[in-house]
Amino acid sequence: MPTPYLPTPVANIIRDYVRSMKSLILNKDYAVTIWPNSNDLDDREASQMGESFLRWLDTLDDERALDEKEKVAIWMLLCGTSFDRTYPDMDGDMWVFDKGGNPIKKGNVVTECVNPFSVAVDKYGDRLRRKRWIGIKTLRPKEWVEDTFKKTLTGGGDESLIDYERQLARLVANVSPWKGDGLEFGQSPSIPDEDMVIFKEVEIRPTKKDPKGVYAAMVGDQIIFKYSRLPIPCGKEGEWEYSLTDYHYHFTPGRFWSESGVNDIISPQNTINQIDQDLEVNRKGIGKPMVIMPSDVTMKKMTKFGQSIIVLQYDALLSGGAKPEIGRGTPLPAQVLEERLVHLQNAQDAAGDPKNVLRGKAPSTQSSGVMVDILRDAAEQGHLPDVERFYRAFKRTKRKQLILAQEVFTEERMIKIPDKGGRPKVRKFKGADLRNNTDVRLELASGAASTRAGQTNMVIKLLEQGFFAADNIMDPEFKQEILRRVGLSGFKDKTSPDA
């Protein structure tokens, strides 16, 4: 069991792995496109409006959506399976439905990351849509539940379950990965807390009895509400979606919960930590040199070569001419350091980054920039299925946002978006403008190198080919699309904004 007296290891390869993989996933610039339902001009304009609406959602509340996206990626790497939830965000923390089970016509459509430990799913089915039901457990103030749903709670539910959720929340928020005993260290498991209850929500998929599904919530054994529909409305042809979207890292066939990316690194990480602790304990103990003086010693502070040092002095006459004895420490054998290096290399191989190229390190001092790019591309190709799987789930989230927007945005609102040239643009929008265009596609927005050096080299090539020349008669919109595809969408042409 860890104690506060042991030295703290600093070689956290798990944290480095999560950081590099998170960057690899989020640095991929995928552009959202919506395919029209037909070749009619109205459908084409509706699909463009949908793309603009999704870009506008990502900019709300200081781009909070990007923070939630990063949380989902981190949970996926740590737990193997992560979730986000798409729902209407009502003003004043109101609930999504009124007393009649109809969506409240205000607020915005938001997507938030959900703690995987708060999600419960049916044990049958290896995909979320094959689950008969899903549930979400959250700690809520008792006063909030009573004020929001106008119900008086007769009981708070199972106290042991509430204590467990409290401990889980504190554990995720406060526990240190190296020092202390986590939640139990210096604390009682049943700490007095404000009056909280377990607010349990459940979504049941459509059946013959309930063709639109069921959405209900309860506290303890008391039902708070029950609606004969899902939070996300069902389509006309039996199409339906849960409000949760699941993200998976390593699939296990026949199993819903996936393996995390850090599982294979935990064992070498623990061995490296033990070796680092032994090295520091040895350096401060038996590995430290011992000096035996033949007489009393005085200490004197001196400055030499610009350094302040402590000098030990003794009287050679009083010691009878005896010299000090310096006993060398007993260092750990070199095999220990070699073992540490082996485990470090095993962790790099397990992480799919043998030379730490994804973490920005050059494989050797003799490597050229081209070799580094080739090695990085090779390392990224090994993780490409994981990245594409993440964005396939992200695409489902975008589709749910469009479906909800058609139900929530019943009145016209002004949305601010950038046009293809990067200039600000204001448009009117309401849900009916989408015309049920919810066929979302994601594609890489840039085919150029993601590094600054690669983009600079691309600019030089375009200059040499006369791409930016004044006599270039290429259509300006087509030129902007090319610049966007190569990751250089910041360039602007001389087209008048009034045109």
Protein backbone atom coordinates (compact mmCIF):
# COMPACT_ATOMS: atom_id res chain seq x y z
CA MET A 1 0.00 0.00 0.00
CA PRO A 2 1.48 3.41 -0.87
CA THR A 3 2.62 5.60 2.00
CA PRO A 4 3.58 9.28 2.08
CA TYR A 5 7.14 8.29 3.11
CA LEU A 6 8.03 6.63 -0.18
CA PRO A 7 9.53 8.80 -2.92
CA THR A 8 7.19 9.83 -5.71
CA PRO A 9 8.03 8.40 -9.16
CA VAL A 10 8.05 10.90 -12.00
CA ALA A 11 8.35 8.57 -15.02
CA ASN A 12 4.62 8.43 -15.73
CA ILE A 13 4.49 6.73 -19.13
CA ILE A 14 0.72 6.20 -18.80
CA ARG A 15 0.14 9.94 -18.62
CA ASP A 16 2.48 10.51 -21.56
CA TYR A 17 0.65 7.83 -23.56
CA VAL A 18 -2.76 9.38 -22.86
CA ARG A 19 -1.44 12.82 -23.78
CA SER A 20 0.09 11.68 -27.08
CA MET A 21 -2.91 9.56 -28.11
CA LYS A 22 -5.31 12.33 -27.16
CA SER A 23 -3.35 14.72 -29.36
CA LEU A 24 -3.30 12.19 -32.21
CA ILE A 25 -7.10 11.84 -32.07
CA LEU A 26 -8.03 15.50 -31.60
CA ASN A 27 -5.48 16.93 -34.05
CA LYS A 28 -7.22 15.19 -36.95
CA ASP A 29 -9.23 17.89 -38.69
CA TYR A 30 -12.42 16.17 -39.79
CA ALA A 31 -14.89 18.36 -41.68
CA VAL A 32 -18.62 17.78 -41.14
CA THR A 33 -20.67 17.57 -44.32
CA ILE A 34 -24.38 16.85 -44.71
CA TRP A 35 -25.66 15.10 -47.79
CA PRO A 36 -28.95 16.44 -49.17
CA ASN A 37 -31.99 14.21 -49.48
CA SER A 38 -32.32 15.06 -53.18
CA ASN A 39 -30.83 17.22 -55.91
CA ASP A 40 -33.40 19.96 -55.34
CA LEU A 41 -31.98 23.37 -54.61
CA ASP A 42 -33.96 23.62 -51.36
CA ASP A 43 -32.48 20.37 -50.07
CA ARG A 44 -28.97 21.47 -50.99
CA GLU A 45 -29.44 24.78 -49.18
CA ALA A 46 -30.87 22.91 -46.17
CA SER A 47 -27.81 20.66 -46.00
CA GLN A 48 -25.52 23.72 -46.08
CA MET A 49 -27.62 25.30 -43.34
CA GLY A 50 -27.17 22.13 -41.27
CA GLU A 51 -23.40 22.32 -41.63
CA SER A 52 -23.49 25.96 -40.54
CA PHE A 53 -25.67 25.08 -37.55
CA LEU A 54 -23.27 22.36 -36.36
CA ARG A 55 -20.32 24.75 -36.64
CA TRP A 56 -22.28 27.31 -34.64
CA LEU A 57 -23.02 24.76 -31.89
CA ASP A 58 -19.29 24.10 -31.49
CA THR A 59 -18.63 27.81 -30.81
CA LEU A 60 -21.23 28.27 -28.06
CA ASP A 61 -20.17 29.02 -24.49
CA ASP A 62 -16.53 29.69 -25.41
CA GLU A 63 -16.32 26.45 -27.42
CA ARG A 64 -17.34 24.23 -24.53
CA ALA A 65 -18.09 21.46 -27.02
CA LEU A 66 -14.35 21.08 -27.70
CA ASP A 67 -13.67 20.64 -23.98
CA GLU A 68 -16.33 17.93 -23.77
CA LYS A 69 -14.86 16.23 -26.83
CA GLU A 70 -11.45 16.15 -25.13
CA LYS A 71 -12.98 14.62 -21.97
CA VAL A 72 -14.58 11.87 -24.05
CA ALA A 73 -11.22 11.07 -25.68
CA ILE A 74 -9.46 10.91 -22.28
CA TRP A 75 -12.11 8.63 -20.75
CA MET A 76 -11.94 6.36 -23.80
CA LEU A 77 -8.16 5.96 -23.42
CA LEU A 78 -8.38 5.37 -19.67
CA CYS A 79 -11.47 3.13 -19.50
CA GLY A 80 -11.79 1.74 -23.02
CA THR A 81 -15.41 2.92 -23.29
CA SER A 82 -16.63 6.49 -22.89
CA PHE A 83 -19.93 8.28 -23.39
CA ASP A 84 -21.33 11.64 -24.30
CA ARG A 85 -24.96 12.68 -24.01
CA THR A 86 -26.90 14.91 -26.40
CA TYR A 87 -29.94 16.70 -24.97
CA PRO A 88 -31.66 20.12 -24.95
CA ASP A 89 -29.97 22.46 -22.47
CA MET A 90 -32.70 24.49 -20.84
CA ASP A 91 -32.25 27.87 -19.17
CA GLY A 92 -32.09 27.82 -15.39
CA ASP A 93 -31.27 24.10 -15.22
CA MET A 94 -34.85 23.23 -16.17
CA TRP A 95 -35.68 19.74 -17.36
CA VAL A 96 -36.04 18.81 -21.02
CA PHE A 97 -39.78 18.09 -20.94
CA ASP A 98 -42.82 19.81 -19.49
CA LYS A 99 -45.53 18.05 -17.49
CA GLY A 100 -47.14 16.75 -20.66
CA GLY A 101 -43.96 15.15 -21.90
CA ASN A 102 -43.40 17.78 -24.61
CA PRO A 103 -39.94 19.32 -25.15
CA ILE A 104 -39.55 22.83 -23.78
CA LYS A 105 -39.12 25.18 -26.71
CA LYS A 106 -36.08 27.12 -25.59
CA GLY A 107 -32.45 26.63 -24.77
CA ASN A 108 -29.88 24.99 -27.02
CA VAL A 109 -28.81 21.52 -28.04
CA VAL A 110 -25.67 20.52 -26.13
CA THR A 111 -23.46 17.46 -25.83
CA GLU A 112 -21.69 16.70 -22.56
CA CYS A 113 -19.29 13.98 -21.48
CA VAL A 114 -20.74 11.42 -19.05
CA ASN A 115 -18.71 9.64 -16.39
CA PRO A 116 -18.56 5.96 -17.49
CA PHE A 117 -18.99 4.86 -13.86
CA SER A 118 -22.42 6.53 -13.83
CA VAL A 119 -23.73 4.55 -16.82
CA ALA A 120 -25.62 1.26 -16.50
CA VAL A 121 -26.64 -0.78 -19.55
CA ASP A 122 -28.50 -3.97 -20.28
CA LYS A 123 -26.14 -6.95 -20.11
CA TYR A 124 -27.38 -8.36 -23.44
CA GLY A 125 -26.10 -7.02 -26.74
CA ASP A 126 -22.60 -5.99 -27.80
CA ARG A 127 -23.73 -2.63 -29.26
CA LEU A 128 -25.56 0.21 -27.56
CA ARG A 129 -28.48 0.09 -30.01
CA ARG A 130 -28.93 -3.61 -29.22
CA LYS A 131 -29.41 -2.86 -25.55
CA ARG A 132 -33.00 -2.99 -24.35
CA TRP A 133 -32.39 -0.13 -21.95
CA ILE A 134 -29.70 2.23 -20.70
CA GLY A 135 -29.48 4.11 -17.40
CA ILE A 136 -27.62 7.04 -15.90
CA LYS A 137 -27.08 7.56 -12.16
CA THR A 138 -26.15 11.00 -10.85
CA LEU A 139 -25.97 12.61 -7.42
CA ARG A 140 -28.48 15.45 -7.23
CA PRO A 141 -29.53 17.78 -4.39
CA LYS A 142 -32.86 16.69 -2.97
CA GLU A 143 -34.07 20.29 -3.13
CA TRP A 144 -33.33 20.48 -6.88
CA VAL A 145 -35.41 17.37 -7.62
CA GLU A 146 -38.37 18.65 -5.60
CA ASP A 147 -38.26 22.14 -7.12
CA THR A 148 -37.81 20.95 -10.71
CA PHE A 149 -40.46 18.24 -10.78
CA LYS A 150 -42.81 19.63 -8.10
CA LYS A 151 -42.72 16.41 -6.11
CA THR A 152 -42.06 15.78 -2.44
CA LEU A 153 -39.52 13.02 -1.97
CA THR A 154 -40.58 10.53 0.67
CA GLY A 155 -37.09 9.03 1.01
CA GLY A 156 -33.57 9.43 -0.25
CA GLY A 157 -33.11 5.88 -1.43
CA ASP A 158 -30.41 3.40 -0.50
CA GLU A 159 -27.89 5.16 1.78
CA SER A 160 -25.14 2.67 0.94
CA LEU A 161 -25.58 3.46 -2.76
CA ILE A 162 -25.45 7.20 -2.04
CA ASP A 163 -22.26 6.74 0.00
CA TYR A 164 -20.76 4.72 -2.85
CA GLU A 165 -21.55 7.44 -5.40
CA ARG A 166 -20.08 10.08 -3.07
CA GLN A 167 -16.90 8.09 -2.66
CA LEU A 168 -16.70 7.48 -6.40
CA ALA A 169 -17.09 11.19 -7.15
CA ARG A 170 -14.38 12.13 -4.66
CA LEU A 171 -12.11 9.33 -5.83
CA VAL A 172 -12.24 10.47 -9.47
CA ALA A 173 -11.80 14.10 -8.49
CA ASN A 174 -9.15 13.94 -5.78
CA VAL A 175 -7.20 10.69 -5.58
CA SER A 176 -3.49 10.87 -6.35
CA PRO A 177 -2.11 8.12 -8.60
CA TRP A 178 1.05 7.78 -6.50
CA LYS A 179 0.72 9.02 -2.92
CA GLY A 180 -1.79 8.42 -0.19
CA ASP A 181 -4.52 5.83 0.13
CA GLY A 182 -6.98 7.67 -2.05
CA LEU A 183 -10.40 8.35 -0.61
CA GLU A 184 -10.08 6.33 2.59
CA PHE A 185 -6.80 7.96 3.68
CA GLY A 186 -7.49 10.15 6.71
CA GLN A 187 -11.24 10.24 6.05
CA SER A 188 -14.33 8.38 7.16
CA PRO A 189 -16.24 6.62 4.35
CA SER A 190 -19.56 8.11 5.52
CA ILE A 191 -18.70 11.80 5.70
CA PRO A 192 -21.63 14.11 6.45
CA ASP A 193 -22.65 15.75 3.18
CA GLU A 194 -25.45 17.94 1.97
CA ASP A 195 -28.79 16.29 1.43
CA MET A 196 -28.17 14.38 -1.81
CA VAL A 197 -30.13 11.69 -3.62
CA ILE A 198 -29.39 9.26 -6.44
CA PHE A 199 -31.29 10.49 -9.50
CA LYS A 200 -31.68 7.48 -11.80
CA GLU A 201 -32.76 7.97 -15.42
CA VAL A 202 -33.62 5.13 -17.78
CA GLU A 203 -34.27 5.04 -21.51
CA ILE A 204 -36.07 1.99 -22.95
CA ARG A 205 -35.88 1.27 -26.66
CA PRO A 206 -39.07 1.25 -28.77
CA THR A 207 -41.20 -1.87 -28.62
CA LYS A 208 -44.56 -2.91 -30.08
CA LYS A 209 -46.25 -1.71 -26.88
CA ASP A 210 -44.30 1.59 -26.76
CA PRO A 211 -43.38 2.44 -30.39
CA LYS A 212 -41.62 5.65 -29.33
CA GLY A 213 -39.79 4.15 -26.38
CA VAL A 214 -39.96 5.12 -22.70
CA TYR A 215 -38.03 7.72 -20.73
CA ALA A 216 -38.39 7.68 -16.93
CA ALA A 217 -36.59 8.75 -13.77
CA MET A 218 -36.82 7.73 -10.14
CA VAL A 219 -35.29 8.40 -6.73
CA GLY A 220 -35.17 5.31 -4.57
CA ASP A 221 -38.48 3.53 -5.23
CA GLN A 222 -40.36 6.73 -6.10
CA ILE A 223 -41.05 7.43 -9.79
CA ILE A 224 -40.39 11.09 -10.64
CA PHE A 225 -41.66 11.04 -14.23
CA LYS A 226 -42.43 8.60 -17.02
CA TYR A 227 -42.91 9.60 -20.65
CA SER A 228 -43.89 7.38 -23.57
CA ARG A 229 -41.07 8.64 -25.76
CA LEU A 230 -37.28 8.89 -25.81
CA PRO A 231 -35.42 12.20 -25.23
CA ILE A 232 -34.40 12.15 -28.90
CA PRO A 233 -37.54 11.88 -31.06
CA CYS A 234 -38.01 8.79 -33.19
CA GLY A 235 -38.11 9.04 -36.96
CA LYS A 236 -41.05 8.27 -39.21
CA GLU A 237 -39.60 4.94 -40.38
CA GLY A 238 -38.90 3.53 -36.94
CA GLU A 239 -35.51 5.22 -36.61
CA TRP A 240 -34.55 5.87 -33.00
CA GLU A 241 -31.50 6.83 -30.92
CA TYR A 242 -30.50 6.82 -27.28
CA SER A 243 -29.29 10.14 -25.89
CA LEU A 244 -25.97 8.46 -25.06
CA THR A 245 -23.29 7.85 -27.69
CA ASP A 246 -20.64 5.23 -26.94
CA TYR A 247 -16.96 5.53 -27.93
CA HIS A 248 -14.77 2.42 -27.96
CA TYR A 249 -11.00 1.91 -28.08
CA HIS A 250 -10.19 -1.84 -28.32
CA PHE A 251 -13.20 -3.91 -29.32
CA THR A 252 -13.61 -7.38 -27.85
CA PRO A 253 -15.96 -9.44 -30.09
CA GLY A 254 -19.20 -10.31 -28.33
CA ARG A 255 -18.58 -7.85 -25.51
CA PHE A 256 -19.89 -4.29 -25.08
CA TRP A 257 -17.26 -2.86 -22.73
CA SER A 258 -13.96 -2.37 -24.56
CA GLU A 259 -10.36 -2.64 -23.38
CA SER A 260 -8.55 0.60 -22.61
CA GLY A 261 -5.32 1.71 -24.20
CA VAL A 262 -3.46 1.84 -20.87
CA ASN A 263 -4.09 -1.76 -19.79
CA ASP A 264 -0.94 -3.09 -21.48
CA ILE A 265 1.17 -0.32 -19.94
CA ILE A 266 0.16 -0.74 -16.31
CA SER A 267 2.49 -3.71 -15.65
CA PRO A 268 5.70 -2.10 -17.00
CA GLN A 269 4.70 1.19 -15.36
CA ASN A 270 4.46 -0.49 -11.94
CA THR A 271 7.88 -2.15 -12.39
CA ILE A 272 9.49 1.13 -13.46
CA ASN A 273 7.98 2.87 -10.43
CA GLN A 274 9.35 0.20 -8.09
CA ILE A 275 12.83 0.47 -9.62
CA ASP A 276 12.77 4.28 -9.36
CA GLN A 277 11.76 4.07 -5.71
CA ASP A 278 14.46 1.50 -4.96
CA LEU A 279 17.08 3.67 -6.64
CA GLU A 280 16.16 6.71 -4.57
CA VAL A 281 15.94 4.76 -1.31
CA ASN A 282 19.31 3.14 -2.06
CA ARG A 283 20.89 6.51 -2.89
CA LYS A 284 19.77 7.88 0.47
CA GLY A 285 20.63 4.70 2.37
CA ILE A 286 23.24 1.98 1.90
CA GLY A 287 24.22 3.35 -1.48
CA LYS A 288 25.39 6.59 0.10
CA PRO A 289 29.14 6.96 0.85
CA MET A 290 30.11 6.87 4.55
CA VAL A 291 32.96 9.03 5.95
CA ILE A 292 34.58 7.93 9.28
CA MET A 293 36.68 10.70 10.86
CA PRO A 294 39.46 9.86 13.38
CA SER A 295 38.73 12.90 15.59
CA ASP A 296 36.22 15.67 16.21
CA VAL A 297 35.10 17.51 13.10
CA THR A 298 34.33 21.17 12.55
CA MET A 299 32.36 22.51 9.63
CA LYS A 300 33.30 25.66 7.79
CA LYS A 301 31.47 27.40 4.95
CA MET A 302 33.73 28.49 2.10
CA THR A 303 33.35 29.89 -1.40
CA LYS A 304 35.50 28.50 -4.19
CA PHE A 305 35.20 28.82 -7.95
CA GLY A 306 32.00 30.76 -7.40
CA GLN A 307 30.43 27.88 -5.46
CA SER A 308 29.39 27.88 -1.81
CA ILE A 309 30.56 24.65 -0.14
CA ILE A 310 30.77 23.10 3.34
CA VAL A 311 34.28 21.93 4.38
CA LEU A 312 34.87 19.32 7.09
CA GLN A 313 38.03 20.01 9.12
CA TYR A 314 39.81 17.94 11.76
CA ASP A 315 43.08 18.20 13.73
CA ALA A 316 45.62 15.67 12.37
CA LEU A 317 47.77 15.99 15.57
CA LEU A 318 44.91 15.00 17.83
CA SER A 319 44.07 12.06 15.59
CA GLY A 320 47.62 10.65 15.82
CA GLY A 321 48.16 10.95 12.10
CA ALA A 322 45.21 8.72 11.26
CA LYS A 323 43.39 9.54 8.02
CA PRO A 324 39.65 9.63 7.46
CA GLU A 325 38.13 6.45 6.10
CA ILE A 326 35.70 6.78 3.20
CA GLY A 327 33.46 3.78 2.76
CA ARG A 328 31.84 3.58 -0.64
CA GLY A 329 28.12 2.94 -0.81
CA THR A 330 26.61 -0.25 -2.18
CA PRO A 331 24.85 0.68 -5.43
CA LEU A 332 22.18 -1.42 -7.04
CA PRO A 333 23.55 -3.71 -9.76
CA ALA A 334 23.52 -2.54 -13.39
CA GLN A 335 20.98 -5.27 -14.11
CA VAL A 336 18.35 -3.14 -12.37
CA LEU A 337 18.88 -0.24 -14.79
CA GLU A 338 18.86 -2.63 -17.74
CA GLU A 339 15.59 -4.10 -16.52
CA ARG A 340 14.11 -0.62 -16.30
CA LEU A 341 15.13 0.09 -19.89
CA VAL A 342 13.59 -3.19 -21.07
CA HIS A 343 10.26 -2.39 -19.41
CA LEU A 344 10.34 1.13 -20.85
CA GLN A 345 10.82 -0.27 -24.36
CA ASN A 346 8.04 -2.80 -23.78
CA ALA A 347 5.71 0.02 -22.77
CA GLN A 348 6.61 1.98 -25.90
CA ASP A 349 5.94 -1.05 -28.09
CA ALA A 350 2.63 -1.74 -26.34
CA ALA A 351 1.60 1.88 -26.87
CA GLY A 352 2.27 1.62 -30.61
CA ASP A 353 4.97 4.31 -30.46
CA PRO A 354 8.31 2.41 -30.50
CA LYS A 355 10.56 5.45 -30.88
CA ASN A 356 8.38 7.99 -29.05
CA VAL A 357 7.83 9.72 -32.38
CA LEU A 358 4.22 10.56 -31.53
CA ARG A 359 5.47 12.38 -28.43
CA GLY A 360 7.65 14.69 -30.48
CA LYS A 361 10.99 12.95 -29.95
CA ALA A 362 13.45 12.29 -32.76
CA PRO A 363 14.43 8.60 -33.03
CA SER A 364 18.14 9.44 -33.18
CA THR A 365 20.50 12.35 -33.76
CA GLN A 366 21.26 11.10 -37.27
CA SER A 367 17.63 11.05 -38.45
CA SER A 368 16.56 13.48 -41.14
CA GLY A 369 13.26 15.33 -41.17
CA VAL A 370 11.96 13.06 -43.92
CA MET A 371 12.77 9.98 -41.86
CA VAL A 372 11.00 11.44 -38.83
CA ASP A 373 7.90 12.17 -40.96
CA ILE A 374 7.95 8.62 -42.37
CA LEU A 375 8.27 7.08 -38.90
CA ARG A 376 5.50 9.31 -37.56
CA ASP A 377 3.21 8.37 -40.46
CA ALA A 378 3.94 4.69 -39.84
CA ALA A 379 3.14 5.07 -36.13
CA GLU A 380 -0.05 6.98 -36.90
CA GLN A 381 -1.18 4.33 -39.40
CA GLY A 382 -1.13 1.77 -36.60
CA HIS A 383 -3.62 3.92 -34.64
CA LEU A 384 -5.72 4.99 -37.62
CA PRO A 385 -8.51 2.43 -36.95
CA ASP A 386 -8.82 3.78 -33.40
CA VAL A 387 -9.01 7.37 -34.66
CA GLU A 388 -11.58 6.52 -37.34
CA ARG A 389 -13.68 4.58 -34.81
CA PHE A 390 -13.71 7.64 -32.55
CA TYR A 391 -14.96 9.87 -35.35
CA ARG A 392 -17.59 7.37 -36.47
CA ALA A 393 -19.10 7.71 -32.98
CA PHE A 394 -18.61 11.48 -33.17
CA LYS A 395 -20.61 11.46 -36.40
CA ARG A 396 -23.53 9.81 -34.58
CA THR A 397 -23.40 12.60 -32.01
CA LYS A 398 -23.63 15.22 -34.75
CA ARG A 399 -26.65 13.47 -36.27
CA LYS A 400 -28.42 13.46 -32.89
CA GLN A 401 -27.80 17.21 -32.60
CA LEU A 402 -29.53 17.79 -35.93
CA ILE A 403 -32.49 15.59 -34.96
CA LEU A 404 -32.97 17.46 -31.68
CA ALA A 405 -32.57 20.86 -33.37
CA GLN A 406 -35.63 20.21 -35.54
CA GLU A 407 -37.72 19.71 -32.40
CA VAL A 408 -36.27 22.38 -30.11
CA PHE A 409 -35.56 25.29 -32.50
CA THR A 410 -39.17 26.05 -33.41
CA GLU A 411 -38.67 29.83 -33.58
CA GLU A 412 -36.17 31.74 -35.71
CA ARG A 413 -32.82 32.54 -34.11
CA MET A 414 -29.71 34.31 -35.31
CA ILE A 415 -26.59 32.15 -35.60
CA LYS A 416 -23.10 33.48 -36.28
CA ILE A 417 -20.82 31.35 -38.41
CA PRO A 418 -17.70 31.81 -40.57
CA ASP A 419 -18.13 31.55 -44.32
CA LYS A 420 -15.79 29.60 -46.61
CA GLY A 421 -13.33 32.48 -46.61
CA GLY A 422 -13.23 32.69 -42.83
CA ARG A 423 -15.29 35.91 -42.62
CA PRO A 424 -18.09 36.22 -40.03
CA LYS A 425 -21.61 35.62 -41.28
CA VAL A 426 -24.99 35.95 -39.56
CA ARG A 427 -27.99 33.89 -40.68
CA LYS A 428 -31.51 33.18 -39.48
CA PHE A 429 -32.19 29.61 -38.46
CA LYS A 430 -35.01 27.40 -37.21
CA GLY A 431 -35.36 23.65 -37.05
CA ALA A 432 -37.67 23.42 -40.04
CA ASP A 433 -34.88 24.81 -42.26
CA LEU A 434 -33.08 21.47 -42.02
CA ARG A 435 -35.83 19.68 -44.00
CA ASN A 436 -34.84 16.43 -42.27
CA ASN A 437 -31.34 16.53 -43.81
CA THR A 438 -29.53 14.54 -41.12
CA ASP A 439 -27.26 12.30 -43.23
CA VAL A 440 -23.94 13.36 -41.70
CA ARG A 441 -20.54 12.51 -43.19
CA LEU A 442 -17.06 13.20 -41.80
CA GLU A 443 -13.98 13.56 -43.97
CA LEU A 444 -10.44 14.73 -43.34
CA ALA A 445 -10.38 18.46 -43.99
CA SER A 446 -6.63 18.53 -44.64
CA GLY A 447 -4.42 16.22 -46.67
CA ALA A 448 -1.21 18.12 -45.95
CA ALA A 449 1.26 17.52 -43.16
CA SER A 450 -0.06 18.52 -39.75
CA THR A 451 3.30 19.98 -38.68
CA ARG A 452 4.33 23.62 -39.10
CA ALA A 453 7.26 22.53 -41.24
CA GLY A 454 4.95 20.62 -43.58
CA GLN A 455 2.57 23.57 -43.94
CA THR A 456 5.46 25.97 -44.59
CA ASN A 457 6.79 23.65 -47.26
CA MET A 458 3.30 23.53 -48.82
CA VAL A 459 3.14 27.35 -48.96
CA ILE A 460 6.55 27.47 -50.68
CA LYS A 461 5.41 24.90 -53.25
CA LEU A 462 2.22 26.83 -54.00
CA LEU A 463 4.21 30.06 -54.41
CA GLU A 464 6.61 28.35 -56.81
CA GLN A 465 3.70 27.04 -58.89
CA GLY A 466 2.09 30.50 -59.13
CA PHE A 467 -0.97 29.57 -57.09
CA PHE A 468 -1.06 33.02 -55.44
CA ALA A 469 -0.14 34.96 -58.59
CA ALA A 470 -2.33 37.88 -59.58
CA ASP A 471 -2.99 36.43 -63.03
CA ASN A 472 -4.31 33.14 -61.63
CA ILE A 473 -7.79 32.85 -63.15
CA MET A 474 -8.90 29.99 -60.88
CA ASP A 475 -12.34 30.42 -59.37
CA PRO A 476 -11.92 32.05 -55.89
CA GLU A 477 -14.32 29.62 -54.20
CA PHE A 478 -12.48 26.65 -55.69
CA LYS A 479 -9.17 28.18 -54.59
CA GLN A 480 -10.44 28.53 -51.01
CA GLU A 481 -11.57 24.90 -51.04
CA ILE A 482 -8.08 23.79 -52.10
CA LEU A 483 -6.49 25.87 -49.35
CA ARG A 484 -8.89 24.37 -46.82
CA ARG A 485 -8.08 20.84 -47.94
CA VAL A 486 -4.34 21.39 -47.50
CA GLY A 487 -4.80 23.00 -44.07
CA LEU A 488 -4.20 26.62 -45.14
CA SER A 489 -7.72 28.04 -44.87
CA GLY A 490 -6.52 31.24 -43.18
CA PHE A 491 -5.68 32.92 -46.49
CA LYS A 492 -8.21 35.47 -47.76
CA ASP A 493 -8.76 36.74 -51.30
CA LYS A 494 -9.50 40.30 -52.43
CA THR A 495 -13.16 39.67 -53.11
CA SER A 496 -15.23 42.55 -51.78
CA PRO A 497 -17.47 41.65 -48.81
CA ASP A 498 -20.25 43.62 -50.52
CA ALA A 499 -20.19 41.42 -53.62
